[in-house]
Amino acid sequence: MVLNIEHVTGGYTLMPVIKDISMSVNSGELVALIGLNGAGKSTTLKHIMGMMMPHSGQITVNHIPLGQQLDDYRQHIAYIPETPLLYHELTLKEHIELNALAHHMSVEEGLKNAEPFLKTFHLWDKLDWSPAYFSKGMKQKVMIICAFMLEASLYIIDEPFLGLDPLAIRDFLVMIEDKKQKGSGILMSTHVLSTAERKCDRFILMHEGTIRAEGNLEQLRQQFNMPEATLDDIYICMAELAV
């Protein structure tokens, strides 16, 4: 088990956003975290990455508890945010070098690891460019490269398809499959339920800070007594029942 969350309540000081949630991600598994805006998905991801500390409960990554050996804990995680976070003063190459050094990797190893992803996304010839000249999709590709150049045990991916064209989405999904085959666990928050239905091994449905359902598609169909339902159908049903 790469990620294990046990009875975590958390959020802001006076107002819990997530309430007694428990979930896990296994090695070689792609899990979709699904919910409406405000369901608690982003807060959950922030807790997993150690950007916020739980009010109660425990989070472990590779059996390392959050709050102990925090730097070592974070070395096992790679993150792709919903909104690209880049420095306009640095070139693409310098972003890769900085990312390598931040993860105790040599510059040479970082560039070597990034090379296949740069070539796949047609950015190999743009290493000296500043992100100020990149489109939104190109910036998102840089964030994917900076995460996937790392050999992480757990990849946290937040709404990755925004800004990507269909070809880039196809290539990105191939990259995810490769990481799965190498044994990494992947937790992906997404609103693109049709893609999640086709590609994810398991689904966690959140609503108002709690986990309302989880399992593979067939298990969710059984839970909701909807034998022919799509993932969209199941989530809409859950959201309407929770109102």
Protein backbone atom coordinates (compact mmCIF):
# COMPACT_ATOMS: atom_id res chain seq x y z
CA MET A 1 0.00 0.00 0.00
CA VAL A 2 1.54 3.30 -1.15
CA LEU A 3 -0.94 5.68 0.49
CA ASN A 4 -3.06 5.01 3.55
CA ILE A 5 -5.44 7.53 5.13
CA GLU A 6 -7.15 6.53 8.38
CA HIS A 7 -10.00 8.54 9.92
CA VAL A 8 -8.64 11.93 8.91
CA THR A 9 -10.50 15.10 9.80
CA GLY A 10 -8.91 18.32 8.64
CA GLY A 11 -9.13 21.66 6.93
CA TYR A 12 -8.89 25.08 8.47
CA THR A 13 -8.49 25.95 12.13
CA LEU A 14 -12.14 26.49 13.04
CA MET A 15 -13.88 24.69 10.21
CA PRO A 16 -13.17 21.05 9.24
CA VAL A 17 -13.49 20.53 5.49
CA ILE A 18 -12.86 16.80 5.37
CA LYS A 19 -14.53 14.66 8.01
CA ASP A 20 -13.32 11.25 9.18
CA ILE A 21 -12.17 10.04 5.76
CA SER A 22 -10.33 6.75 5.19
CA MET A 23 -8.94 5.59 1.86
CA SER A 24 -5.88 4.02 0.25
CA VAL A 25 -3.94 3.76 -3.01
CA ASN A 26 -2.03 0.60 -3.83
CA SER A 27 1.14 0.10 -5.83
CA GLY A 28 0.37 -0.04 -9.57
CA GLU A 29 -3.11 1.44 -9.12
CA LEU A 30 -4.76 4.54 -10.62
CA VAL A 31 -7.50 5.88 -8.36
CA ALA A 32 -9.85 8.71 -9.32
CA LEU A 33 -10.96 11.17 -6.64
CA ILE A 34 -14.30 12.56 -7.79
CA GLY A 35 -16.60 15.22 -6.41
CA LEU A 36 -18.31 18.53 -7.04
CA ASN A 37 -16.48 21.80 -6.42
CA GLY A 38 -16.18 22.18 -2.65
CA ALA A 39 -16.45 18.45 -1.97
CA GLY A 40 -13.05 18.43 -0.23
CA LYS A 41 -10.85 16.99 -2.97
CA SER A 42 -8.22 19.74 -3.01
CA THR A 43 -8.11 19.84 0.79
CA THR A 44 -7.56 16.09 0.84
CA LEU A 45 -4.67 16.41 -1.63
CA LYS A 46 -3.10 19.23 0.42
CA HIS A 47 -3.19 17.04 3.52
CA ILE A 48 -1.58 14.13 1.69
CA MET A 49 1.26 16.38 0.49
CA GLY A 50 1.84 17.79 3.96
CA MET A 51 0.73 21.32 3.05
CA MET A 52 -1.92 21.03 5.79
CA MET A 53 -1.86 18.93 8.94
CA PRO A 54 -4.88 16.84 10.00
CA HIS A 55 -6.88 17.74 13.07
CA SER A 56 -7.08 14.02 13.77
CA GLY A 57 -6.28 10.73 12.08
CA GLN A 58 -3.18 9.55 10.26
CA ILE A 59 -1.75 9.68 6.74
CA THR A 60 1.15 7.47 5.66
CA VAL A 61 3.05 7.26 2.38
CA ASN A 62 5.26 4.19 2.00
CA HIS A 63 4.62 3.57 5.71
CA ILE A 64 6.10 6.97 6.65
CA PRO A 65 3.63 8.94 8.78
CA LEU A 66 2.88 12.54 7.90
CA GLY A 67 4.44 14.77 10.54
CA GLN A 68 7.49 12.58 11.03
CA GLN A 69 10.55 12.91 8.78
CA LEU A 70 8.58 15.38 6.65
CA ASP A 71 11.34 15.89 4.07
CA ASP A 72 11.72 12.13 3.60
CA TYR A 73 7.93 11.76 3.45
CA ARG A 74 7.67 14.32 0.65
CA GLN A 75 10.47 12.71 -1.36
CA HIS A 76 8.10 9.81 -2.09
CA ILE A 77 5.48 12.11 -3.65
CA ALA A 78 5.30 13.91 -7.00
CA TYR A 79 2.56 16.46 -7.65
CA ILE A 80 0.89 17.92 -10.74
CA PRO A 81 -1.26 20.92 -9.72
CA GLU A 82 -4.42 22.07 -11.47
CA THR A 83 -2.87 25.48 -12.20
CA PRO A 84 0.74 25.48 -13.52
CA LEU A 85 3.19 27.11 -11.10
CA LEU A 86 6.22 28.34 -13.06
CA TYR A 87 8.88 31.03 -12.70
CA HIS A 88 8.99 33.38 -15.68
CA GLU A 89 12.58 34.31 -14.78
CA LEU A 90 13.74 30.71 -15.36
CA THR A 91 14.00 28.80 -18.61
CA LEU A 92 12.43 25.39 -19.09
CA LYS A 93 15.85 23.80 -18.63
CA GLU A 94 16.37 25.70 -15.39
CA HIS A 95 12.98 24.51 -14.10
CA ILE A 96 14.07 20.93 -14.69
CA GLU A 97 17.45 21.51 -13.04
CA LEU A 98 15.83 23.19 -10.01
CA ASN A 99 13.32 20.36 -9.67
CA ALA A 100 16.11 17.78 -9.82
CA LEU A 101 18.13 19.50 -7.10
CA ALA A 102 15.05 19.87 -4.89
CA HIS A 103 14.65 16.09 -5.00
CA HIS A 104 18.31 15.27 -4.28
CA MET A 105 18.99 14.38 -7.91
CA SER A 106 21.92 15.56 -10.02
CA VAL A 107 21.23 18.02 -12.83
CA GLU A 108 22.48 15.47 -15.36
CA GLU A 109 20.17 12.74 -14.04
CA GLY A 110 17.24 15.14 -14.01
CA LEU A 111 17.72 16.14 -17.64
CA LYS A 112 18.17 12.50 -18.64
CA ASN A 113 14.94 11.52 -16.88
CA ALA A 114 13.05 14.46 -18.41
CA GLU A 115 14.30 13.90 -21.96
CA PRO A 116 11.71 11.31 -23.13
CA PHE A 117 8.83 13.40 -21.78
CA LEU A 118 10.23 16.57 -23.37
CA LYS A 119 10.42 14.79 -26.71
CA THR A 120 6.94 13.30 -26.40
CA PHE A 121 5.48 16.76 -25.70
CA HIS A 122 7.62 18.42 -28.41
CA LEU A 123 9.43 20.64 -25.90
CA TRP A 124 12.95 19.26 -26.37
CA ASP A 125 13.88 22.17 -28.66
CA LYS A 126 12.45 24.74 -26.22
CA LEU A 127 14.74 24.17 -23.24
CA ASP A 128 15.99 27.76 -23.43
CA TRP A 129 12.52 29.27 -23.60
CA SER A 130 10.92 31.16 -20.73
CA PRO A 131 7.45 29.97 -19.65
CA ALA A 132 6.25 33.52 -20.34
CA TYR A 133 6.11 32.46 -24.00
CA PHE A 134 4.32 29.16 -23.37
CA SER A 135 0.63 28.52 -23.95
CA LYS A 136 -1.51 27.18 -21.10
CA GLY A 137 -1.21 23.69 -22.50
CA MET A 138 2.57 23.95 -22.76
CA LYS A 139 2.77 25.11 -19.14
CA GLN A 140 0.68 22.14 -18.07
CA LYS A 141 3.05 19.85 -19.97
CA VAL A 142 5.99 21.34 -18.06
CA MET A 143 4.28 20.48 -14.77
CA ILE A 144 3.72 16.91 -15.98
CA ILE A 145 7.37 16.62 -17.00
CA CYS A 146 8.59 17.98 -13.66
CA ALA A 147 6.52 15.36 -11.83
CA PHE A 148 7.17 12.38 -14.08
CA MET A 149 10.93 12.94 -14.28
CA LEU A 150 10.92 11.86 -10.61
CA GLU A 151 10.82 8.22 -9.55
CA ALA A 152 8.05 8.71 -7.00
CA SER A 153 6.05 6.08 -5.18
CA LEU A 154 2.91 8.22 -5.22
CA TYR A 155 1.79 10.68 -7.89
CA ILE A 156 -0.84 13.24 -6.93
CA ILE A 157 -2.55 14.67 -10.00
CA ASP A 158 -5.11 17.49 -9.74
CA GLU A 159 -7.34 18.08 -12.80
CA PRO A 160 -4.55 17.27 -15.28
CA PHE A 161 -6.53 17.49 -18.52
CA LEU A 162 -7.25 21.23 -18.40
CA GLY A 163 -5.49 22.94 -21.30
CA LEU A 164 -4.26 19.73 -22.92
CA ASP A 165 -5.19 18.91 -26.52
CA PRO A 166 -6.43 15.38 -27.39
CA LEU A 167 -3.00 14.20 -28.56
CA ALA A 168 -1.36 15.42 -25.34
CA ILE A 169 -4.08 13.72 -23.28
CA ARG A 170 -3.40 10.46 -25.10
CA ASP A 171 0.35 10.76 -24.48
CA PHE A 172 -0.23 11.68 -20.84
CA LEU A 173 -2.40 8.62 -20.27
CA VAL A 174 0.36 6.45 -21.76
CA MET A 175 2.81 8.02 -19.29
CA ILE A 176 0.45 7.24 -16.42
CA GLU A 177 0.15 3.62 -17.54
CA ASP A 178 3.95 3.35 -17.65
CA LYS A 179 4.23 4.65 -14.07
CA LYS A 180 1.60 2.13 -12.99
CA GLN A 181 3.52 -0.71 -14.63
CA LYS A 182 6.62 0.37 -12.71
CA GLY A 183 4.71 0.07 -9.44
CA SER A 184 3.76 3.64 -8.57
CA GLY A 185 0.38 4.50 -7.10
CA ILE A 186 -1.53 7.41 -8.64
CA LEU A 187 -4.33 9.47 -7.11
CA MET A 188 -6.02 11.70 -9.67
CA SER A 189 -8.70 14.31 -9.01
CA THR A 190 -10.76 14.90 -12.14
CA HIS A 191 -14.09 16.09 -13.48
CA VAL A 192 -13.56 14.25 -16.78
CA LEU A 193 -15.54 11.21 -15.75
CA SER A 194 -15.64 9.54 -19.16
CA THR A 195 -11.83 9.31 -19.22
CA ALA A 196 -11.72 8.26 -15.56
CA GLU A 197 -14.23 5.50 -16.25
CA ARG A 198 -12.05 4.10 -19.05
CA LYS A 199 -8.65 4.42 -17.40
CA CYS A 200 -8.96 4.25 -13.61
CA ASP A 201 -8.88 1.08 -11.55
CA ARG A 202 -11.00 2.42 -8.73
CA PHE A 203 -13.09 5.48 -7.82
CA ILE A 204 -13.56 7.45 -4.61
CA LEU A 205 -16.65 9.65 -4.59
CA MET A 206 -16.57 12.60 -2.20
CA HIS A 207 -19.41 14.88 -1.17
CA GLU A 208 -19.38 17.61 1.47
CA GLY A 209 -16.10 16.45 2.97
CA THR A 210 -16.98 12.78 3.34
CA ILE A 211 -16.45 9.69 1.24
CA ARG A 212 -19.88 8.54 0.08
CA ALA A 213 -18.85 5.57 -2.09
CA GLU A 214 -15.78 3.81 -3.46
CA GLY A 215 -14.86 0.82 -5.59
CA ASN A 216 -14.47 -0.16 -9.22
CA LEU A 217 -17.28 0.55 -11.67
CA GLU A 218 -19.03 -2.78 -11.16
CA GLN A 219 -18.90 -2.38 -7.38
CA LEU A 220 -20.37 1.12 -7.62
CA ARG A 221 -23.15 -0.15 -9.88
CA GLN A 222 -24.02 -2.75 -7.26
CA GLN A 223 -23.92 -0.23 -4.41
CA PHE A 224 -26.31 2.10 -6.24
CA ASN A 225 -28.40 -0.71 -7.80
CA MET A 226 -27.71 0.74 -11.27
CA PRO A 227 -26.45 -2.26 -13.30
CA GLU A 228 -26.00 -0.41 -16.61
CA ALA A 229 -24.93 2.99 -15.24
CA THR A 230 -21.95 5.01 -16.36
CA LEU A 231 -19.72 6.73 -13.84
CA ASP A 232 -21.48 10.00 -14.71
CA ASP A 233 -24.85 8.43 -13.93
CA ILE A 234 -23.67 7.09 -10.58
CA TYR A 235 -22.09 10.35 -9.48
CA ILE A 236 -25.16 12.43 -10.43
CA CYS A 237 -27.36 9.98 -8.53
CA MET A 238 -25.13 10.21 -5.46
CA ALA A 239 -25.03 14.01 -5.56
CA GLU A 240 -28.81 14.25 -5.89
CA LEU A 241 -29.42 11.76 -3.06
CA ALA A 242 -27.08 13.74 -0.79
CA VAL A 243 -28.97 17.03 -1.28
